[in-house]
């Protein structure tokens, strides 16, 4: 039995030294090694794009209502849910953002409200989009958040 044990330890030693020698040789060649890449022929398989994934709307997505009424100054009438991207005390500034949005393909609107905030009555809100469906409005707001991080949803009864 003692002879078998001695044979096993010496066999391991020889393998260990072989691995060590191979490792050292590889390390020595590492700095001198040149890698040649041979291009492989590609096969192109047509891919049918997947339909867009709609975001699941969480029922507690906050929406605001405006007390005191509102009037559409520019654009189509509001639907139930609108994505507000700008609020101004000055109509000219609101119309400037409106023009920018229309030029980018949005169905924008300018709305004048009768609400009083910080002692100022009559705000101009700019809606980038307006929908009858809340989930569409949430999707639109989420897409606009990159450019307009303070975008919010207005519910117009």
C-alpha atoms as a PDB file:
ATOM      1  CA  UNK A   1       0.000   0.000   0.000  1.00  0.00           C
ATOM      2  CA  UNK A   2       2.841   2.358   0.817  1.00  0.00           C
ATOM      3  CA  UNK A   3       4.309   1.734  -2.612  1.00  0.00           C
ATOM      4  CA  UNK A   4       1.024   2.695  -4.325  1.00  0.00           C
ATOM      5  CA  UNK A   5       0.795   5.909  -2.346  1.00  0.00           C
ATOM      6  CA  UNK A   6       4.369   6.832  -3.284  1.00  0.00           C
ATOM      7  CA  UNK A   7       3.621   6.142  -6.974  1.00  0.00           C
ATOM      8  CA  UNK A   8       0.538   8.380  -6.874  1.00  0.00           C
ATOM      9  CA  UNK A   9       2.413  11.359  -5.372  1.00  0.00           C
ATOM     10  CA  UNK A  10       5.248  11.119  -7.855  1.00  0.00           C
ATOM     11  CA  UNK A  11       2.765  10.858 -10.749  1.00  0.00           C
ATOM     12  CA  UNK A  12       1.040  14.060  -9.570  1.00  0.00           C
ATOM     13  CA  UNK A  13       4.376  15.828  -9.297  1.00  0.00           C
ATOM     14  CA  UNK A  14       5.254  15.076 -12.896  1.00  0.00           C
ATOM     15  CA  UNK A  15       1.857  16.330 -14.168  1.00  0.00           C
ATOM     16  CA  UNK A  16       2.119  19.450 -12.009  1.00  0.00           C
ATOM     17  CA  UNK A  17       5.557  20.268 -13.362  1.00  0.00           C
ATOM     18  CA  UNK A  18       4.316  19.699 -16.937  1.00  0.00           C
ATOM     19  CA  UNK A  19       1.423  22.141 -16.377  1.00  0.00           C
ATOM     20  CA  UNK A  20       3.797  24.662 -14.822  1.00  0.00           C
ATOM     21  CA  UNK A  21       6.205  24.388 -17.748  1.00  0.00           C
ATOM     22  CA  UNK A  22       3.364  24.829 -20.259  1.00  0.00           C
ATOM     23  CA  UNK A  23       2.053  27.878 -18.353  1.00  0.00           C
ATOM     24  CA  UNK A  24       5.500  29.517 -18.269  1.00  0.00           C
ATOM     25  CA  UNK A  25       6.009  28.845 -21.987  1.00  0.00           C
ATOM     26  CA  UNK A  26       2.613  30.395 -22.769  1.00  0.00           C
ATOM     27  CA  UNK A  27       3.439  33.469 -20.673  1.00  0.00           C
ATOM     28  CA  UNK A  28       6.762  33.877 -22.459  1.00  0.00           C
ATOM     29  CA  UNK A  29       5.085  33.677 -25.880  1.00  0.00           C
ATOM     30  CA  UNK A  30       2.192  35.952 -24.891  1.00  0.00           C
ATOM     31  CA  UNK A  31       4.023  39.186 -25.727  1.00  0.00           C
ATOM     32  CA  UNK A  32       5.362  37.834 -29.042  1.00  0.00           C
ATOM     33  CA  UNK A  33       2.135  36.165 -30.161  1.00  0.00           C
ATOM     34  CA  UNK A  34       0.363  37.407 -33.288  1.00  0.00           C
ATOM     35  CA  UNK A  35      -3.267  36.518 -33.730  1.00  0.00           C
ATOM     36  CA  UNK A  36      -4.583  36.088 -37.247  1.00  0.00           C
ATOM     37  CA  UNK A  37      -8.320  36.445 -37.685  1.00  0.00           C
ATOM     38  CA  UNK A  38      -9.777  34.610 -40.620  1.00  0.00           C
ATOM     39  CA  UNK A  39     -13.127  36.057 -41.682  1.00  0.00           C
ATOM     40  CA  UNK A  40     -15.889  33.537 -41.853  1.00  0.00           C
ATOM     41  CA  UNK A  41     -18.644  33.587 -44.393  1.00  0.00           C
ATOM     42  CA  UNK A  42     -21.838  35.029 -42.946  1.00  0.00           C
ATOM     43  CA  UNK A  43     -25.265  33.788 -43.759  1.00  0.00           C
ATOM     44  CA  UNK A  44     -27.956  36.402 -43.584  1.00  0.00           C
ATOM     45  CA  UNK A  45     -31.311  35.272 -42.349  1.00  0.00           C
ATOM     46  CA  UNK A  46     -34.148  37.753 -42.768  1.00  0.00           C
ATOM     47  CA  UNK A  47     -35.702  38.706 -39.464  1.00  0.00           C
ATOM     48  CA  UNK A  48     -39.273  39.792 -39.066  1.00  0.00           C
ATOM     49  CA  UNK A  49     -39.421  42.574 -36.476  1.00  0.00           C
ATOM     50  CA  UNK A  50     -41.465  41.849 -33.403  1.00  0.00           C
ATOM     51  CA  UNK A  51     -44.498  44.029 -32.786  1.00  0.00           C
ATOM     52  CA  UNK A  52     -43.857  46.878 -30.336  1.00  0.00           C
ATOM     53  CA  UNK A  53     -44.350  45.998 -26.717  1.00  0.00           C
ATOM     54  CA  UNK A  54     -46.921  48.157 -24.982  1.00  0.00           C
ATOM     55  CA  UNK A  55     -46.099  49.253 -21.505  1.00  0.00           C
ATOM     56  CA  UNK A  56     -48.442  48.012 -18.831  1.00  0.00           C
ATOM     57  CA  UNK A  57     -50.205  50.961 -17.264  1.00  0.00           C
ATOM     58  CA  UNK A  58     -50.279  51.036 -13.514  1.00  0.00           C
ATOM     59  CA  UNK A  59     -53.730  52.113 -12.344  1.00  0.00           C
ATOM     60  CA  UNK A  60     -52.258  54.601  -9.890  1.00  0.00           C
ATOM     61  CA  UNK A  61     -50.524  56.711 -12.560  1.00  0.00           C
ATOM     62  CA  UNK A  62     -51.072  60.226 -11.214  1.00  0.00           C
ATOM     63  CA  UNK A  63     -53.177  62.658 -13.222  1.00  0.00           C
ATOM     64  CA  UNK A  64     -54.083  66.252 -12.429  1.00  0.00           C
ATOM     65  CA  UNK A  65     -57.218  68.192 -13.050  1.00  0.00           C
ATOM     66  CA  UNK A  66     -57.361  71.952 -13.374  1.00  0.00           C
ATOM     67  CA  UNK A  67     -59.877  73.812 -11.249  1.00  0.00           C
ATOM     68  CA  UNK A  68     -61.519  76.860 -12.748  1.00  0.00           C
ATOM     69  CA  UNK A  69     -61.769  75.693 -16.345  1.00  0.00           C
ATOM     70  CA  UNK A  70     -59.577  75.969 -19.396  1.00  0.00           C
ATOM     71  CA  UNK A  71     -59.718  77.227 -22.978  1.00  0.00           C
ATOM     72  CA  UNK A  72     -57.856  75.817 -25.982  1.00  0.00           C
ATOM     73  CA  UNK A  73     -55.930  78.701 -27.597  1.00  0.00           C
ATOM     74  CA  UNK A  74     -54.151  76.728 -30.362  1.00  0.00           C
ATOM     75  CA  UNK A  75     -54.626  73.229 -31.741  1.00  0.00           C
ATOM     76  CA  UNK A  76     -57.380  70.639 -31.632  1.00  0.00           C
ATOM     77  CA  UNK A  77     -59.730  70.257 -28.656  1.00  0.00           C
ATOM     78  CA  UNK A  78     -58.390  68.288 -25.710  1.00  0.00           C
ATOM     79  CA  UNK A  79     -59.278  64.657 -25.196  1.00  0.00           C
ATOM     80  CA  UNK A  80     -59.674  63.145 -21.737  1.00  0.00           C
ATOM     81  CA  UNK A  81     -55.924  62.681 -21.044  1.00  0.00           C
ATOM     82  CA  UNK A  82     -53.249  65.128 -22.225  1.00  0.00           C
ATOM     83  CA  UNK A  83     -49.479  65.136 -21.749  1.00  0.00           C
ATOM     84  CA  UNK A  84     -48.436  68.577 -20.494  1.00  0.00           C
ATOM     85  CA  UNK A  85     -44.792  69.424 -21.248  1.00  0.00           C
ATOM     86  CA  UNK A  86     -44.710  73.146 -20.493  1.00  0.00           C
ATOM     87  CA  UNK A  87     -46.391  75.755 -18.282  1.00  0.00           C
ATOM     88  CA  UNK A  88     -45.985  79.475 -18.916  1.00  0.00           C
ATOM     89  CA  UNK A  89     -47.317  82.793 -17.653  1.00  0.00           C
ATOM     90  CA  UNK A  90     -46.619  84.258 -21.096  1.00  0.00           C
ATOM     91  CA  UNK A  91     -48.643  83.173 -24.153  1.00  0.00           C
ATOM     92  CA  UNK A  92     -45.752  83.905 -26.553  1.00  0.00           C
ATOM     93  CA  UNK A  93     -43.492  81.428 -24.760  1.00  0.00           C
ATOM     94  CA  UNK A  94     -46.215  78.785 -24.807  1.00  0.00           C
ATOM     95  CA  UNK A  95     -46.765  79.300 -28.529  1.00  0.00           C
ATOM     96  CA  UNK A  96     -42.999  78.959 -29.129  1.00  0.00           C
ATOM     97  CA  UNK A  97     -42.989  75.500 -27.523  1.00  0.00           C
ATOM     98  CA  UNK A  98     -46.194  74.668 -29.402  1.00  0.00           C
ATOM     99  CA  UNK A  99     -44.461  75.473 -32.737  1.00  0.00           C
ATOM    100  CA  UNK A 100     -41.454  73.350 -31.789  1.00  0.00           C
ATOM    101  CA  UNK A 101     -43.682  70.379 -30.993  1.00  0.00           C
ATOM    102  CA  UNK A 102     -45.760  70.743 -34.169  1.00  0.00           C
ATOM    103  CA  UNK A 103     -42.546  70.897 -36.242  1.00  0.00           C
ATOM    104  CA  UNK A 104     -41.477  67.612 -34.593  1.00  0.00           C
ATOM    105  CA  UNK A 105     -44.753  65.954 -35.612  1.00  0.00           C
ATOM    106  CA  UNK A 106     -46.740  66.217 -32.374  1.00  0.00           C
ATOM    107  CA  UNK A 107     -50.405  67.141 -32.285  1.00  0.00           C
ATOM    108  CA  UNK A 108     -49.746  69.895 -29.756  1.00  0.00           C
ATOM    109  CA  UNK A 109     -52.171  72.304 -28.106  1.00  0.00           C
ATOM    110  CA  UNK A 110     -51.919  75.495 -26.075  1.00  0.00           C
ATOM    111  CA  UNK A 111     -54.435  75.768 -23.259  1.00  0.00           C
ATOM    112  CA  UNK A 112     -55.161  78.794 -21.084  1.00  0.00           C
ATOM    113  CA  UNK A 113     -56.304  77.982 -17.583  1.00  0.00           C
ATOM    114  CA  UNK A 114     -58.082  80.109 -15.012  1.00  0.00           C
ATOM    115  CA  UNK A 115     -56.136  78.669 -12.083  1.00  0.00           C
ATOM    116  CA  UNK A 116     -54.198  80.859  -9.673  1.00  0.00           C
ATOM    117  CA  UNK A 117     -50.696  79.747  -8.693  1.00  0.00           C
ATOM    118  CA  UNK A 118     -48.369  81.887  -6.578  1.00  0.00           C
ATOM    119  CA  UNK A 119     -50.637  84.894  -7.031  1.00  0.00           C
ATOM    120  CA  UNK A 120     -50.677  84.646 -10.830  1.00  0.00           C
ATOM    121  CA  UNK A 121     -53.952  83.800 -12.557  1.00  0.00           C
ATOM    122  CA  UNK A 122     -54.163  82.515 -16.091  1.00  0.00           C
ATOM    123  CA  UNK A 123     -51.480  79.979 -17.003  1.00  0.00           C
ATOM    124  CA  UNK A 124     -50.663  78.718 -20.485  1.00  0.00           C
ATOM    125  CA  UNK A 125     -50.156  74.952 -20.576  1.00  0.00           C
ATOM    126  CA  UNK A 126     -48.656  73.209 -23.609  1.00  0.00           C
ATOM    127  CA  UNK A 127     -49.890  69.689 -24.341  1.00  0.00           C
ATOM    128  CA  UNK A 128     -47.695  67.603 -26.645  1.00  0.00           C
ATOM    129  CA  UNK A 129     -50.406  64.993 -27.153  1.00  0.00           C
ATOM    130  CA  UNK A 130     -53.947  64.191 -26.076  1.00  0.00           C
ATOM    131  CA  UNK A 131     -55.804  60.856 -25.912  1.00  0.00           C
ATOM    132  CA  UNK A 132     -59.136  59.403 -24.835  1.00  0.00           C
ATOM    133  CA  UNK A 133     -57.273  56.392 -23.430  1.00  0.00           C
ATOM    134  CA  UNK A 134     -55.118  56.781 -20.302  1.00  0.00           C
ATOM    135  CA  UNK A 135     -52.662  54.041 -21.295  1.00  0.00           C
ATOM    136  CA  UNK A 136     -51.830  55.841 -24.564  1.00  0.00           C
ATOM    137  CA  UNK A 137     -51.271  59.071 -22.652  1.00  0.00           C
ATOM    138  CA  UNK A 138     -48.969  57.288 -20.182  1.00  0.00           C
ATOM    139  CA  UNK A 139     -46.968  55.772 -23.055  1.00  0.00           C
ATOM    140  CA  UNK A 140     -46.655  59.189 -24.693  1.00  0.00           C
ATOM    141  CA  UNK A 141     -45.566  60.825 -21.432  1.00  0.00           C
ATOM    142  CA  UNK A 142     -42.949  58.131 -20.878  1.00  0.00           C
ATOM    143  CA  UNK A 143     -41.544  58.702 -24.374  1.00  0.00           C
ATOM    144  CA  UNK A 144     -41.424  62.470 -23.807  1.00  0.00           C
ATOM    145  CA  UNK A 145     -39.752  62.208 -20.363  1.00  0.00           C
ATOM    146  CA  UNK A 146     -36.271  62.155 -21.942  1.00  0.00           C
ATOM    147  CA  UNK A 147     -36.792  65.601 -23.478  1.00  0.00           C
ATOM    148  CA  UNK A 148     -39.353  66.938 -21.010  1.00  0.00           C
ATOM    149  CA  UNK A 149     -38.576  65.325 -17.629  1.00  0.00           C
ATOM    150  CA  UNK A 150     -41.349  67.226 -15.832  1.00  0.00           C
ATOM    151  CA  UNK A 151     -44.108  66.050 -18.226  1.00  0.00           C
ATOM    152  CA  UNK A 152     -47.358  65.208 -16.472  1.00  0.00           C
ATOM    153  CA  UNK A 153     -50.872  64.021 -17.285  1.00  0.00           C
ATOM    154  CA  UNK A 154     -53.858  66.341 -17.318  1.00  0.00           C
ATOM    155  CA  UNK A 155     -57.323  64.857 -16.989  1.00  0.00           C
ATOM    156  CA  UNK A 156     -59.934  67.009 -18.705  1.00  0.00           C
ATOM    157  CA  UNK A 157     -63.451  65.979 -17.648  1.00  0.00           C
END
